[in-house]
Amino acid sequence: MRILRTIPEIRAAVREARGTVGLVPTMGAFHDGHVSLMRRAREQNDLVVVSLFVNPTQFGANEDLGSYPRDEHADAARAELEGVDILFAPEATEIYPDGFATSIHVSGVTEMLDGANRGAHHFDGVATVVAKLFGIVRPDVAYFGQKDAQQIAVVRRLVRDLDLDVRIEACPIVREADGLAMSSRNVYLDADARVQATALNRALDAAAALHESGERNGDSILTAARRVLENAGITPEYLELRDALTMQAVTRVEGDTLLAVAARVGAARLIDNHILKRSA
């Protein structure tokens, strides 16, 4: 596996490659969720590129950019074990050189959920860095985890609106044995918070079970989830039902619907979601 740090290096390496190129964009601190994306990319492509870049433009002034977990040595070892061909690990100045003045704003799918709670800068930063990575690597397919469901909606809209020639593949959430969605931020949880955090998935499971029993009323479904969170002492930043494609609010679950939650548990801000399927 090669570790490359400059745009000319990665472009030259991709040009030399034969066949399809799969890109896994990450901010590092790899866990089994990241590994599942690498494995999917490895199964489907001739060249696998994993980007490792903690993107400063998607963090707000009071967020955890400075403390975000970083361990490039461990990440590189794990990527190599999974058969990744190239780890692209640029410095911030490589992606955002002096004089960089462009930001991409994706309307319609960014104003709610994490966009409302973290601020417009968050998804502007995501859209801008993803567009840059797509322009640098020119992948055939890019792989994202379903845990960041709104991010996937943003990237899909970005690709559609700018006619970018890349297929976006969303991969299932990978969970711990107790149901907690794997996240780099889970390292912030102490023992008590770690147990408390399992209520997020249990709340989503309770809502999903009610939906599967035939309930379609949004308030009833959200109430089932909220009750589990309240019993665990968690006040969500948001707990909402949104159309899985458009991110528009829904009051009844008739089509594929995103049930999304975000909450601060101990020192960590965690997100999770379930897709309530049309066929349920």
Protein backbone atom coordinates (compact mmCIF):
# COMPACT_ATOMS: atom_id res chain seq x y z
CA MET A 1 0.00 0.00 0.00
CA ARG A 2 1.22 3.48 -0.86
CA ILE A 3 0.67 6.50 1.39
CA LEU A 4 0.41 9.61 -0.77
CA ARG A 5 0.11 13.19 0.47
CA THR A 6 -0.06 15.48 -2.54
CA ILE A 7 -2.61 15.98 -5.28
CA PRO A 8 -0.11 15.44 -8.10
CA GLU A 9 0.97 12.13 -6.54
CA ILE A 10 -2.53 10.73 -6.20
CA ARG A 11 -3.55 11.88 -9.67
CA ALA A 12 -0.50 10.25 -11.22
CA ALA A 13 -1.14 7.00 -9.32
CA VAL A 14 -4.76 6.83 -10.46
CA ARG A 15 -3.82 7.59 -14.07
CA GLU A 16 -1.39 4.68 -14.01
CA ALA A 17 -4.02 2.26 -12.72
CA ARG A 18 -6.13 -0.04 -14.86
CA GLY A 19 -9.83 -0.67 -14.39
CA THR A 20 -12.31 0.77 -11.93
CA VAL A 21 -11.44 3.05 -9.01
CA GLY A 22 -13.25 2.92 -5.68
CA LEU A 23 -12.91 5.76 -3.17
CA VAL A 24 -13.65 5.54 0.56
CA PRO A 25 -13.61 9.09 2.00
CA THR A 26 -12.82 9.08 5.75
CA MET A 27 -11.57 11.22 8.60
CA GLY A 28 -9.59 8.32 10.03
CA ALA A 29 -9.76 6.65 13.46
CA PHE A 30 -10.81 3.49 11.64
CA HIS A 31 -13.27 1.05 13.15
CA ASP A 32 -15.18 -1.90 11.71
CA GLY A 33 -17.61 0.46 9.99
CA HIS A 34 -14.79 1.93 7.93
CA VAL A 35 -13.45 -1.55 7.30
CA SER A 36 -16.80 -2.64 5.87
CA LEU A 37 -16.56 0.19 3.32
CA MET A 38 -13.01 -0.81 2.39
CA ARG A 39 -14.07 -4.41 1.92
CA ARG A 40 -17.00 -3.44 -0.29
CA ALA A 41 -14.69 -1.25 -2.36
CA ARG A 42 -12.12 -4.04 -2.60
CA GLU A 43 -14.76 -6.50 -3.81
CA GLN A 44 -15.98 -4.19 -6.55
CA ASN A 45 -12.93 -2.33 -7.87
CA ASP A 46 -9.50 -2.79 -9.35
CA LEU A 47 -7.98 0.14 -7.43
CA VAL A 48 -9.06 1.12 -3.92
CA VAL A 49 -8.24 4.58 -2.58
CA VAL A 50 -8.99 5.55 1.01
CA SER A 51 -8.71 9.23 1.88
CA LEU A 52 -7.72 10.12 5.43
CA PHE A 53 -8.39 13.79 6.06
CA VAL A 54 -9.90 15.46 9.12
CA ASN A 55 -11.71 18.19 7.24
CA PRO A 56 -11.53 21.45 9.23
CA THR A 57 -14.26 23.23 7.24
CA GLN A 58 -17.03 20.94 8.52
CA PHE A 59 -16.27 21.67 12.20
CA GLY A 60 -17.73 24.66 14.05
CA ALA A 61 -15.91 26.92 16.48
CA ASN A 62 -17.07 24.95 19.52
CA GLU A 63 -16.74 21.46 18.01
CA ASP A 64 -14.06 18.83 18.46
CA LEU A 65 -11.63 19.49 15.59
CA GLY A 66 -8.64 19.73 17.92
CA SER A 67 -9.49 16.61 19.89
CA TYR A 68 -10.89 14.48 17.07
CA PRO A 69 -9.20 11.05 17.37
CA ARG A 70 -6.17 10.66 15.09
CA ASP A 71 -3.84 7.68 14.68
CA GLU A 72 -2.48 7.54 11.16
CA HIS A 73 -0.07 4.71 11.95
CA ALA A 74 -2.86 2.41 13.17
CA ASP A 75 -5.16 3.50 10.36
CA ALA A 76 -2.52 2.77 7.72
CA ALA A 77 -1.89 -0.68 9.16
CA ARG A 78 -5.58 -1.52 9.13
CA ALA A 79 -6.09 -0.21 5.60
CA GLU A 80 -3.16 -2.23 4.34
CA LEU A 81 -4.56 -5.35 6.00
CA GLU A 82 -7.79 -4.84 4.05
CA GLY A 83 -5.99 -4.67 0.73
CA VAL A 84 -6.28 -0.92 0.17
CA ASP A 85 -3.98 0.20 -2.64
CA ILE A 86 -3.55 3.88 -1.77
CA LEU A 87 -4.04 5.85 1.44
CA PHE A 88 -4.37 9.52 0.51
CA ALA A 89 -3.45 11.48 3.64
CA PRO A 90 -2.94 15.13 2.70
CA GLU A 91 -2.20 18.07 4.97
CA ALA A 92 -4.91 20.71 5.28
CA THR A 93 -2.82 23.13 3.22
CA GLU A 94 -2.82 20.66 0.33
CA ILE A 95 -6.62 20.64 0.20
CA TYR A 96 -7.10 24.28 1.17
CA PRO A 97 -4.05 26.23 -0.08
CA ASP A 98 -3.53 29.93 0.54
CA GLY A 99 -6.20 31.90 -1.24
CA PHE A 100 -8.75 29.08 -1.32
CA ALA A 101 -12.10 30.86 -1.56
CA THR A 102 -14.72 28.40 -2.83
CA SER A 103 -17.52 26.77 -0.85
CA ILE A 104 -20.32 24.54 -2.11
CA HIS A 105 -23.77 24.86 -0.58
CA VAL A 106 -26.36 22.17 -1.32
CA SER A 107 -29.86 23.52 -0.73
CA GLY A 108 -32.91 21.51 0.23
CA VAL A 109 -31.25 18.65 2.12
CA THR A 110 -28.90 20.55 4.46
CA GLU A 111 -31.14 22.89 6.43
CA MET A 112 -32.57 20.31 8.84
CA LEU A 113 -31.25 17.69 11.31
CA ASP A 114 -27.45 18.07 11.56
CA GLY A 115 -27.55 21.15 9.35
CA ALA A 116 -29.90 22.89 11.77
CA ASN A 117 -28.05 21.74 14.87
CA ARG A 118 -24.43 22.10 13.73
CA GLY A 119 -24.88 25.05 11.40
CA ALA A 120 -24.76 25.61 7.64
CA HIS A 121 -20.96 25.42 7.65
CA HIS A 122 -21.07 21.69 8.38
CA PHE A 123 -22.57 20.43 5.15
CA ASP A 124 -20.94 23.22 3.15
CA GLY A 125 -17.64 21.80 4.38
CA VAL A 126 -18.71 18.24 3.58
CA ALA A 127 -19.90 19.12 0.06
CA THR A 128 -16.78 21.14 -0.71
CA VAL A 129 -14.28 18.51 0.42
CA VAL A 130 -16.18 15.67 -1.24
CA ALA A 131 -16.31 17.61 -4.52
CA LYS A 132 -12.57 18.19 -4.23
CA LEU A 133 -11.87 14.51 -3.54
CA PHE A 134 -14.02 13.47 -6.50
CA GLY A 135 -12.14 15.91 -8.72
CA ILE A 136 -8.75 14.73 -7.45
CA VAL A 137 -9.29 10.97 -7.46
CA ARG A 138 -11.94 10.68 -10.21
CA PRO A 139 -13.46 7.52 -8.72
CA ASP A 140 -15.99 5.35 -10.47
CA VAL A 141 -17.67 4.57 -7.13
CA ALA A 142 -17.54 6.25 -3.71
CA TYR A 143 -18.54 4.47 -0.51
CA PHE A 144 -20.27 6.06 2.48
CA GLY A 145 -21.75 4.62 5.68
CA GLN A 146 -25.51 4.75 6.24
CA LYS A 147 -24.96 6.10 9.76
CA ASP A 148 -24.38 9.49 8.13
CA ALA A 149 -27.67 9.31 6.23
CA GLN A 150 -28.06 13.04 5.73
CA GLN A 151 -24.51 13.28 4.44
CA ILE A 152 -25.35 10.63 1.84
CA ALA A 153 -28.39 12.66 0.75
CA VAL A 154 -26.17 15.73 0.41
CA VAL A 155 -23.57 13.87 -1.63
CA ARG A 156 -26.19 12.32 -3.90
CA ARG A 157 -27.69 15.76 -4.57
CA LEU A 158 -24.21 17.19 -5.19
CA VAL A 159 -23.48 14.45 -7.73
CA ARG A 160 -26.84 14.87 -9.43
CA ASP A 161 -26.79 18.65 -9.65
CA LEU A 162 -23.17 18.95 -10.81
CA ASP A 163 -23.37 15.95 -13.16
CA LEU A 164 -20.43 14.26 -11.49
CA ASP A 165 -19.61 10.89 -13.01
CA VAL A 166 -19.43 8.83 -9.83
CA ARG A 167 -21.78 6.25 -8.34
CA ILE A 168 -22.56 6.67 -4.65
CA GLU A 169 -22.92 3.45 -2.69
CA ALA A 170 -24.40 3.58 0.81
CA CYS A 171 -23.30 0.72 3.05
CA PRO A 172 -25.19 -0.57 6.12
CA ILE A 173 -24.49 0.69 9.63
CA VAL A 174 -22.07 -1.55 11.52
CA ARG A 175 -22.96 -1.96 15.19
CA GLU A 176 -21.36 -3.21 18.37
CA ALA A 177 -22.80 -6.38 19.90
CA ASP A 178 -25.08 -4.25 22.11
CA GLY A 179 -26.41 -2.27 19.13
CA LEU A 180 -24.41 0.94 19.49
CA ALA A 181 -23.53 2.28 16.04
CA MET A 182 -19.79 2.27 15.51
CA SER A 183 -18.32 5.77 15.48
CA SER A 184 -14.89 7.31 15.89
CA ARG A 185 -16.45 9.48 18.61
CA ASN A 186 -17.34 6.45 20.73
CA VAL A 187 -13.86 6.75 22.26
CA TYR A 188 -15.16 9.80 24.13
CA LEU A 189 -17.62 7.65 26.12
CA ASP A 190 -16.74 6.61 29.66
CA ALA A 191 -18.14 3.34 31.02
CA ASP A 192 -21.44 4.79 32.24
CA ALA A 193 -22.02 6.85 29.09
CA ARG A 194 -21.17 3.83 26.97
CA VAL A 195 -24.06 1.89 28.54
CA GLN A 196 -26.38 4.89 28.33
CA ALA A 197 -25.60 5.37 24.64
CA THR A 198 -27.14 2.00 23.75
CA ALA A 199 -30.53 3.65 24.29
CA LEU A 200 -30.22 5.39 20.92
CA ASN A 201 -30.49 2.17 18.95
CA ARG A 202 -33.02 0.72 21.38
CA ALA A 203 -35.20 3.79 20.82
CA LEU A 204 -34.98 3.36 17.06
CA ASP A 205 -35.75 -0.34 17.41
CA ALA A 206 -38.86 0.44 19.47
CA ALA A 207 -40.11 2.87 16.84
CA ALA A 208 -39.31 0.43 14.03
CA ALA A 209 -41.17 -2.38 15.81
CA LEU A 210 -44.26 -0.18 16.11
CA HIS A 211 -44.02 0.67 12.42
CA GLU A 212 -43.65 -3.00 11.51
CA SER A 213 -46.81 -3.76 13.50
CA GLY A 214 -48.71 -1.50 11.12
CA GLU A 215 -48.51 1.93 12.73
CA ARG A 216 -48.10 4.76 10.24
CA ASN A 217 -48.77 7.83 12.39
CA GLY A 218 -45.53 9.75 12.79
CA ASP A 219 -46.28 11.12 16.25
CA SER A 220 -46.97 7.63 17.58
CA ILE A 221 -43.76 6.26 16.10
CA LEU A 222 -41.68 9.13 17.50
CA THR A 223 -43.33 8.78 20.91
CA ALA A 224 -42.22 5.15 21.10
CA ALA A 225 -38.63 6.19 20.48
CA ARG A 226 -38.76 9.20 22.78
CA ARG A 227 -40.01 7.10 25.67
CA VAL A 228 -36.91 4.87 25.51
CA LEU A 229 -34.62 7.90 25.42
CA GLU A 230 -36.38 9.53 28.36
CA ASN A 231 -36.07 6.33 30.41
CA ALA A 232 -32.32 6.38 29.73
CA GLY A 233 -32.01 10.04 30.73
CA ILE A 234 -31.24 11.22 27.19
CA THR A 235 -32.67 14.42 25.72
CA PRO A 236 -32.20 14.29 21.96
CA GLU A 237 -30.95 17.23 19.93
CA TYR A 238 -33.36 15.95 17.33
CA LEU A 239 -35.56 12.91 16.83
CA GLU A 240 -37.34 13.20 13.52
CA LEU A 241 -38.95 11.42 10.60
CA ARG A 242 -37.79 12.54 7.16
CA ASP A 243 -38.32 11.33 3.63
CA ALA A 244 -35.28 9.15 2.97
CA LEU A 245 -34.47 10.85 -0.34
CA THR A 246 -35.62 14.46 -0.03
CA MET A 247 -35.08 14.95 3.73
CA GLN A 248 -38.47 16.64 3.93
CA ALA A 249 -40.45 16.17 7.16
CA VAL A 250 -43.22 13.58 7.14
CA THR A 251 -46.15 13.12 9.51
CA ARG A 252 -47.09 9.66 8.24
CA VAL A 253 -44.75 6.84 7.25
CA GLU A 254 -45.92 5.78 3.81
CA GLY A 255 -42.70 5.62 1.75
CA ASP A 256 -39.11 4.86 2.71
CA THR A 257 -38.57 7.09 5.73
CA LEU A 258 -35.48 8.08 7.70
CA LEU A 259 -35.92 7.91 11.47
CA ALA A 260 -32.95 9.93 12.73
CA VAL A 261 -31.66 10.82 16.18
CA ALA A 262 -28.81 12.88 17.55
CA ALA A 263 -27.94 13.33 21.21
CA ARG A 264 -25.12 14.24 23.53
CA VAL A 265 -24.23 11.32 25.75
CA GLY A 266 -21.46 12.02 28.20
CA ALA A 267 -18.67 13.74 26.28
CA ALA A 268 -19.82 12.53 22.86
CA ARG A 269 -22.29 13.79 20.32
CA LEU A 270 -23.76 10.69 18.67
CA ILE A 271 -26.05 10.15 15.71
CA ASP A 272 -27.96 7.08 14.57
CA ASN A 273 -30.83 6.19 12.27
CA HIS A 274 -33.07 3.50 10.89
CA ILE A 275 -34.77 3.40 7.50
CA LEU A 276 -38.42 2.51 7.85
CA LYS A 277 -39.08 0.71 4.59
CA ARG A 278 -42.10 1.21 2.38
CA SER A 279 -42.78 -2.52 2.35
CA ALA A 280 -42.91 -2.90 6.15
